[in-house]
Amino acid sequence: MEIYDNYSLKGLNTFGIDVKARRILFLRGSTLDEPFRFLYDVEELLKSDFREHPYMVIGEGSNLVFTKDYEGSLIKIGEAVFHGGDEGGYKYLTVGARMLTDEVVRLSVGYKYYGMENLSAIPGNIGAAVVQNVGAYGVELKDLVETVDAVDLLSGDQRSFSAAECAFGYRTSLFKQQAGRWLIWRVKLRFSKEFKPILTYKALADELQRRGIGDPSQQQVRDVVTELRWSKLPRPEEYGSAGSFFKNPVVDEATATALKKEYPDMPVYPGNKLSAGWLIDQCGWKGKTMGRAGVWPKQALVLYNTGGCSGEEVVVLARVVQEDVKRKFGVALDPEAIIV
């Protein structure tokens, strides 16, 4: 385990916010040569004084907005490995939590493990994706999780959670609800042996149809999803962001019906889920800036760093956007990004 004090986090959060952590602890990942190396570092971690201060486990920082220096300890896992297998009617990949989510998708496509291709180009690592239950283009990670292995940072106990025990919900899980308790270190994902493209998301189906692809392959779905995402989102090497900043709000049926009557063009998804991006766009925020924070011109759901932005500026912009949506539509927007 490596420990550093007064550590810059500018390169450890995708918003590119220039803050520091009082301390950061890098845990080594397990490798094929040293499968228990991570657990040795966890033992060392549990003997340290990290719990005497605020602490947080971080991945790639793709969903974090730091509003000031972090006066506690950050815990980050090192490299990750994977292995695959064929059990019964399914195929499985077991991956270390540090592995990038898009890298897991790439592996699944390469090995012809089916079901994860719609999650292409999502930033961050797979451990954080489990915490958030990421989703895109009609698929959520919960649809693929078989088990999640985690360490209880309060007791030091190791535990393997079934998908049901993870308490997955819309952009949430047990691990998010009990933030600070569980350190995820390994995830087992279940895949289909037969490819059946999931085309319930209209934008994806429409784009495939526009390209004349009537019976897409797994690789074609991945390619189109990747292109669709990057056509709407800022490139991380150019502008910092946390991707989708707000959750799509879910309202009761009466509210959805009334809003649809007043705004016939308003998208309403199953379960009375509304489009946060559409609501923000209707309030005139797409492409606007406030200070050094802005709303991305191609996707109103994304807040971004126009250059040298502070976390406070992001929070102020988010708050004004929320107030405008509430005033116009009577709908509350909750951040998907985590404000620290």
Protein backbone atom coordinates (compact mmCIF):
# COMPACT_ATOMS: atom_id res chain seq x y z
CA MET A 1 0.00 0.00 0.00
CA GLU A 2 1.27 3.45 -0.91
CA ILE A 3 0.26 6.50 1.15
CA TYR A 4 0.60 10.15 0.13
CA ASP A 5 -0.30 13.32 2.01
CA ASN A 6 -1.60 16.61 0.57
CA TYR A 7 -2.25 14.87 -2.75
CA SER A 8 -3.54 16.72 -5.83
CA LEU A 9 -6.82 15.33 -7.16
CA LYS A 10 -6.89 17.32 -10.40
CA GLY A 11 -6.00 14.21 -12.40
CA LEU A 12 -8.25 11.94 -10.33
CA ASN A 13 -11.62 13.53 -11.13
CA THR A 14 -12.96 13.87 -14.66
CA PHE A 15 -14.27 17.39 -13.99
CA GLY A 16 -10.61 18.37 -13.63
CA ILE A 17 -11.27 20.33 -10.43
CA ASP A 18 -8.02 21.40 -8.76
CA VAL A 19 -8.30 20.33 -5.12
CA LYS A 20 -6.21 18.21 -2.76
CA ALA A 21 -6.83 15.35 -0.37
CA ARG A 22 -5.32 15.32 3.10
CA ARG A 23 -4.28 11.74 2.40
CA ILE A 24 -4.70 9.13 -0.31
CA LEU A 25 -4.07 5.40 0.08
CA PHE A 26 -3.36 3.34 -3.03
CA LEU A 27 -4.14 -0.35 -2.56
CA ARG A 28 -2.46 -2.79 -4.90
CA GLY A 29 -4.78 -4.85 -7.05
CA SER A 30 -4.69 -8.63 -7.25
CA THR A 31 -2.83 -10.15 -10.20
CA LEU A 32 -2.65 -13.65 -11.62
CA ASP A 33 0.80 -14.03 -10.04
CA GLU A 34 -0.29 -12.58 -6.70
CA PRO A 35 -4.05 -13.23 -6.34
CA PHE A 36 -4.19 -12.22 -2.69
CA ARG A 37 -2.06 -9.06 -2.94
CA PHE A 38 -5.12 -6.82 -2.62
CA LEU A 39 -6.29 -8.56 0.55
CA TYR A 40 -2.83 -8.16 2.10
CA ASP A 41 -3.11 -4.41 1.51
CA VAL A 42 -6.63 -4.38 2.98
CA GLU A 43 -5.24 -5.93 6.17
CA GLU A 44 -2.65 -3.16 6.30
CA LEU A 45 -5.35 -0.56 5.61
CA LEU A 46 -7.54 -1.81 8.45
CA LYS A 47 -4.61 -1.50 10.86
CA SER A 48 -4.09 2.15 9.90
CA ASP A 49 -5.83 5.20 11.35
CA PHE A 50 -7.88 6.02 8.20
CA ARG A 51 -11.17 5.76 10.12
CA GLU A 52 -10.15 8.56 12.49
CA HIS A 53 -10.93 11.03 9.69
CA PRO A 54 -13.59 11.19 6.97
CA TYR A 55 -12.82 8.68 4.24
CA MET A 56 -14.12 7.67 0.85
CA VAL A 57 -13.39 5.00 -1.75
CA ILE A 58 -12.89 6.44 -5.23
CA GLY A 59 -12.58 4.94 -8.68
CA GLU A 60 -11.74 7.10 -11.69
CA GLY A 61 -13.55 10.13 -10.22
CA SER A 62 -15.98 10.23 -13.15
CA ASN A 63 -18.99 10.95 -10.96
CA LEU A 64 -17.47 13.27 -8.34
CA VAL A 65 -17.62 17.02 -7.90
CA PHE A 66 -15.15 18.24 -5.28
CA THR A 67 -16.22 21.61 -3.88
CA LYS A 68 -13.12 22.02 -1.70
CA ASP A 69 -10.02 20.18 -0.47
CA TYR A 70 -10.91 16.81 1.03
CA GLU A 71 -9.93 16.81 4.70
CA GLY A 72 -9.85 13.06 5.03
CA SER A 73 -8.50 9.91 3.40
CA LEU A 74 -9.28 8.66 -0.08
CA ILE A 75 -8.88 4.96 -0.85
CA LYS A 76 -8.09 3.85 -4.39
CA ILE A 77 -7.55 0.33 -5.72
CA GLY A 78 -4.70 -0.51 -8.09
CA GLU A 79 -4.61 -2.63 -11.24
CA ALA A 80 -7.18 -5.32 -11.98
CA VAL A 81 -7.29 -8.65 -13.78
CA PHE A 82 -10.10 -10.74 -15.23
CA HIS A 83 -10.97 -14.29 -16.13
CA GLY A 84 -13.86 -15.81 -18.03
CA GLY A 85 -15.76 -19.04 -17.95
CA ASP A 86 -18.70 -21.03 -19.22
CA GLU A 87 -21.15 -22.35 -16.63
CA GLY A 88 -24.41 -23.99 -17.58
CA GLY A 89 -26.46 -21.79 -19.84
CA TYR A 90 -24.37 -18.64 -19.36
CA LYS A 91 -20.90 -17.21 -19.81
CA TYR A 92 -19.19 -15.29 -17.02
CA LEU A 93 -16.48 -12.68 -16.60
CA THR A 94 -14.98 -12.05 -13.17
CA VAL A 95 -13.20 -8.69 -13.16
CA GLY A 96 -11.28 -6.60 -10.65
CA ALA A 97 -13.12 -3.48 -9.51
CA ARG A 98 -10.47 -1.14 -10.94
CA MET A 99 -11.03 -2.32 -14.53
CA LEU A 100 -12.62 0.35 -16.71
CA THR A 101 -16.25 -0.36 -17.54
CA ASP A 102 -15.68 0.21 -21.24
CA GLU A 103 -12.73 -2.18 -21.15
CA VAL A 104 -15.04 -4.85 -19.70
CA VAL A 105 -17.48 -4.19 -22.56
CA ARG A 106 -14.63 -4.47 -25.07
CA LEU A 107 -13.60 -7.81 -23.59
CA SER A 108 -17.17 -9.11 -23.62
CA VAL A 109 -17.52 -8.24 -27.30
CA GLY A 110 -14.15 -9.78 -28.12
CA TYR A 111 -15.09 -13.03 -26.41
CA LYS A 112 -18.66 -12.94 -27.80
CA TYR A 113 -20.23 -12.67 -24.38
CA TYR A 114 -23.55 -10.97 -25.04
CA GLY A 115 -25.59 -8.38 -23.16
CA MET A 116 -23.24 -5.53 -22.14
CA GLU A 117 -22.65 -3.83 -25.50
CA ASN A 118 -25.25 -1.10 -24.81
CA LEU A 119 -23.07 0.13 -21.92
CA SER A 120 -20.20 1.04 -24.25
CA ALA A 121 -18.23 4.26 -23.70
CA ILE A 122 -19.41 4.77 -20.11
CA PRO A 123 -16.54 6.35 -18.14
CA GLY A 124 -15.24 5.07 -14.82
CA ASN A 125 -14.42 1.63 -13.50
CA ILE A 126 -16.63 -1.37 -12.93
CA GLY A 127 -16.60 -1.13 -9.14
CA ALA A 128 -18.03 2.39 -9.24
CA ALA A 129 -20.45 1.31 -11.96
CA VAL A 130 -21.87 -1.27 -9.55
CA VAL A 131 -22.26 1.33 -6.80
CA GLN A 132 -24.15 3.62 -9.17
CA ASN A 133 -25.93 0.85 -11.11
CA VAL A 134 -25.04 2.61 -14.34
CA GLY A 135 -27.36 2.32 -17.27
CA ALA A 136 -27.64 3.41 -20.89
CA TYR A 137 -29.58 2.61 -24.05
CA GLY A 138 -32.03 0.25 -22.36
CA VAL A 139 -29.57 -1.73 -20.21
CA GLU A 140 -28.58 -1.38 -16.55
CA LEU A 141 -25.59 -3.07 -14.95
CA LYS A 142 -27.91 -4.89 -12.53
CA ASP A 143 -29.09 -6.92 -15.53
CA LEU A 144 -25.63 -8.51 -15.72
CA VAL A 145 -24.36 -8.75 -12.14
CA GLU A 146 -24.08 -12.25 -10.70
CA THR A 147 -22.06 -11.51 -7.54
CA VAL A 148 -20.12 -8.63 -5.99
CA ASP A 149 -17.20 -9.31 -3.62
CA ALA A 150 -16.56 -6.59 -1.06
CA VAL A 151 -14.72 -5.93 2.18
CA ASP A 152 -16.55 -4.43 5.14
CA LEU A 153 -14.38 -1.46 6.15
CA LEU A 154 -16.02 -1.39 9.58
CA SER A 155 -15.37 -5.00 10.57
CA GLY A 156 -12.81 -6.20 8.02
CA ASP A 157 -15.07 -9.09 6.99
CA GLN A 158 -15.21 -10.27 3.39
CA ARG A 159 -18.58 -10.87 1.80
CA SER A 160 -19.93 -12.00 -1.56
CA PHE A 161 -23.27 -10.37 -2.47
CA SER A 162 -25.78 -11.87 -4.87
CA ALA A 163 -27.45 -9.48 -7.31
CA ALA A 164 -30.60 -9.49 -5.17
CA GLU A 165 -28.60 -8.60 -2.06
CA CYS A 166 -27.08 -5.60 -3.84
CA ALA A 167 -30.51 -3.85 -3.64
CA PHE A 168 -30.13 -2.28 -7.06
CA GLY A 169 -32.42 0.58 -8.02
CA TYR A 170 -32.36 3.46 -10.46
CA ARG A 171 -28.78 4.80 -10.17
CA THR A 172 -28.38 3.31 -6.71
CA SER A 173 -27.44 0.17 -4.80
CA LEU A 174 -26.77 -1.08 -1.29
CA PHE A 175 -23.19 0.14 -1.68
CA LYS A 176 -24.33 3.67 -2.44
CA GLN A 177 -26.90 3.61 0.35
CA GLN A 178 -24.21 2.44 2.81
CA ALA A 179 -21.46 4.70 1.45
CA GLY A 180 -18.15 4.30 3.23
CA ARG A 181 -18.81 0.81 4.51
CA TRP A 182 -18.08 -1.46 1.56
CA LEU A 183 -14.93 -1.64 -0.56
CA ILE A 184 -15.79 -3.52 -3.75
CA TRP A 185 -12.85 -5.45 -5.15
CA ARG A 186 -14.30 -8.00 -7.57
CA VAL A 187 -17.42 -8.34 -9.72
CA LYS A 188 -18.77 -11.42 -11.49
CA LEU A 189 -20.91 -10.67 -14.55
CA ARG A 190 -23.30 -13.04 -16.30
CA PHE A 191 -23.67 -13.00 -20.09
CA SER A 192 -25.90 -14.70 -22.61
CA LYS A 193 -24.56 -17.25 -25.08
CA GLU A 194 -27.03 -16.04 -27.70
CA PHE A 195 -26.97 -12.53 -29.13
CA LYS A 196 -30.30 -10.71 -29.03
CA PRO A 197 -29.78 -6.96 -29.56
CA ILE A 198 -31.57 -4.76 -27.04
CA LEU A 199 -33.07 -1.99 -29.14
CA THR A 200 -35.73 -0.62 -26.81
CA TYR A 201 -33.99 2.77 -26.71
CA LYS A 202 -35.46 4.74 -29.60
CA ALA A 203 -32.35 6.76 -30.47
CA LEU A 204 -30.31 3.57 -30.86
CA ALA A 205 -32.96 1.79 -32.95
CA ASP A 206 -33.44 4.88 -35.13
CA GLU A 207 -29.71 5.28 -35.76
CA LEU A 208 -29.31 1.64 -36.75
CA GLN A 209 -32.28 1.99 -39.09
CA ARG A 210 -30.83 5.19 -40.56
CA ARG A 211 -27.65 3.28 -41.38
CA GLY A 212 -29.61 0.49 -42.99
CA ILE A 213 -28.62 -2.05 -40.32
CA GLY A 214 -31.67 -4.22 -39.86
CA ASP A 215 -30.07 -7.12 -38.03
CA PRO A 216 -27.09 -5.63 -36.14
CA SER A 217 -24.16 -7.62 -34.84
CA GLN A 218 -22.85 -7.17 -31.32
CA GLN A 219 -19.91 -5.12 -32.64
CA GLN A 220 -22.23 -2.90 -34.67
CA VAL A 221 -24.34 -2.16 -31.58
CA ARG A 222 -21.20 -1.29 -29.63
CA ASP A 223 -19.90 0.95 -32.40
CA VAL A 224 -23.18 2.84 -32.82
CA VAL A 225 -23.67 3.28 -29.05
CA THR A 226 -20.11 4.60 -28.76
CA GLU A 227 -20.63 7.06 -31.60
CA LEU A 228 -23.98 8.22 -30.21
CA ARG A 229 -22.49 8.86 -26.77
CA TRP A 230 -19.52 10.83 -28.07
CA SER A 231 -21.72 12.83 -30.44
CA LYS A 232 -23.51 14.20 -27.37
CA LEU A 233 -20.82 14.34 -24.67
CA PRO A 234 -17.65 16.42 -24.27
CA ARG A 235 -14.40 14.62 -24.95
CA PRO A 236 -12.62 14.24 -21.58
CA GLU A 237 -9.30 15.39 -23.05
CA GLU A 238 -10.95 18.68 -24.05
CA TYR A 239 -13.49 19.53 -21.33
CA GLY A 240 -14.03 18.15 -17.87
CA SER A 241 -17.44 16.79 -16.89
CA ALA A 242 -19.14 14.04 -14.94
CA GLY A 243 -21.24 12.88 -17.87
CA SER A 244 -24.95 12.95 -17.05
CA PHE A 245 -25.18 15.30 -14.08
CA PHE A 246 -28.84 14.73 -13.14
CA LYS A 247 -31.02 11.65 -12.85
CA ASN A 248 -34.07 11.37 -15.07
CA PRO A 249 -36.92 12.21 -12.67
CA VAL A 250 -39.67 9.70 -11.98
CA VAL A 251 -43.10 11.22 -11.27
CA ASP A 252 -46.53 9.86 -10.44
CA GLU A 253 -48.93 9.01 -13.24
CA ALA A 254 -51.16 12.04 -12.68
CA THR A 255 -48.19 14.39 -12.99
CA ALA A 256 -46.90 12.64 -16.10
CA THR A 257 -50.36 12.77 -17.72
CA ALA A 258 -50.82 16.46 -16.92
CA LEU A 259 -47.39 17.41 -18.21
CA LYS A 260 -47.83 15.37 -21.38
CA LYS A 261 -51.12 17.13 -22.04
CA GLU A 262 -49.49 20.54 -21.62
CA TYR A 263 -46.30 19.58 -23.47
CA PRO A 264 -47.21 16.98 -26.13
CA ASP A 265 -43.59 16.70 -27.33
CA MET A 266 -42.28 15.82 -23.86
CA PRO A 267 -40.72 12.32 -23.73
CA VAL A 268 -42.25 10.03 -21.13
CA TYR A 269 -40.60 6.64 -20.60
CA PRO A 270 -42.05 3.51 -18.92
CA GLY A 271 -42.63 3.98 -15.21
CA ASN A 272 -43.41 7.69 -15.70
CA LYS A 273 -39.75 8.56 -16.10
CA LEU A 274 -39.12 11.96 -17.68
CA SER A 275 -36.11 13.21 -19.61
CA ALA A 276 -34.06 15.54 -17.43
CA GLY A 277 -32.16 16.72 -20.50
CA TRP A 278 -35.40 17.68 -22.26
CA LEU A 279 -36.68 19.57 -19.22
CA ILE A 280 -33.42 21.51 -18.89
CA ASP A 281 -33.36 22.27 -22.61
CA GLN A 282 -36.91 23.64 -22.45
CA CYS A 283 -35.74 26.05 -19.77
CA GLY A 284 -33.23 27.45 -22.24
CA TRP A 285 -30.07 26.22 -20.55
CA LYS A 286 -28.45 24.20 -23.34
CA GLY A 287 -25.18 25.88 -24.31
CA LYS A 288 -25.31 28.52 -21.58
CA THR A 289 -22.58 29.17 -19.03
CA MET A 290 -22.43 30.63 -15.55
CA GLY A 291 -18.96 31.60 -14.47
CA ARG A 292 -16.61 28.87 -15.65
CA ALA A 293 -19.28 26.13 -15.55
CA GLY A 294 -21.64 25.45 -18.42
CA VAL A 295 -24.41 23.27 -19.83
CA TRP A 296 -23.06 21.26 -22.76
CA PRO A 297 -24.37 22.61 -26.12
CA LYS A 298 -25.17 19.13 -27.48
CA GLN A 299 -26.71 17.57 -24.35
CA ALA A 300 -28.40 19.63 -21.65
CA LEU A 301 -28.04 16.81 -19.13
CA VAL A 302 -24.28 17.43 -18.99
CA LEU A 303 -22.62 20.17 -16.95
CA TYR A 304 -19.02 20.84 -17.88
CA ASN A 305 -15.86 22.73 -16.98
CA THR A 306 -15.23 25.48 -19.52
CA GLY A 307 -11.73 25.95 -18.07
CA GLY A 308 -10.38 26.35 -14.54
CA CYS A 309 -13.80 25.75 -13.01
CA SER A 310 -14.24 25.18 -9.28
CA GLY A 311 -16.61 22.66 -7.76
CA GLU A 312 -18.56 25.48 -6.15
CA GLU A 313 -19.27 26.97 -9.57
CA VAL A 314 -20.66 23.63 -10.75
CA VAL A 315 -22.90 23.38 -7.69
CA VAL A 316 -24.20 26.95 -8.14
CA LEU A 317 -25.04 26.28 -11.80
CA ALA A 318 -26.72 22.99 -10.91
CA ARG A 319 -28.82 24.68 -8.25
CA VAL A 320 -30.05 27.40 -10.64
CA VAL A 321 -30.91 24.78 -13.28
CA GLN A 322 -32.86 22.80 -10.68
CA GLU A 323 -34.76 25.90 -9.61
CA ASP A 324 -35.72 26.77 -13.19
CA VAL A 325 -36.97 23.24 -13.94
CA LYS A 326 -38.95 23.20 -10.70
CA ARG A 327 -40.47 26.60 -11.47
CA LYS A 328 -41.49 25.70 -15.03
CA PHE A 329 -42.54 22.07 -14.68
CA GLY A 330 -42.99 21.50 -10.93
CA VAL A 331 -40.48 18.64 -11.18
CA ALA A 332 -37.47 18.19 -8.88
CA LEU A 333 -34.14 17.15 -10.40
CA ASP A 334 -31.74 15.14 -8.26
CA PRO A 335 -28.03 15.06 -9.09
CA GLU A 336 -26.58 11.81 -10.35
CA ALA A 337 -23.13 13.23 -9.66
CA ILE A 338 -21.87 13.03 -6.09
CA ILE A 339 -21.11 16.40 -4.50
CA VAL A 340 -18.15 16.21 -2.09
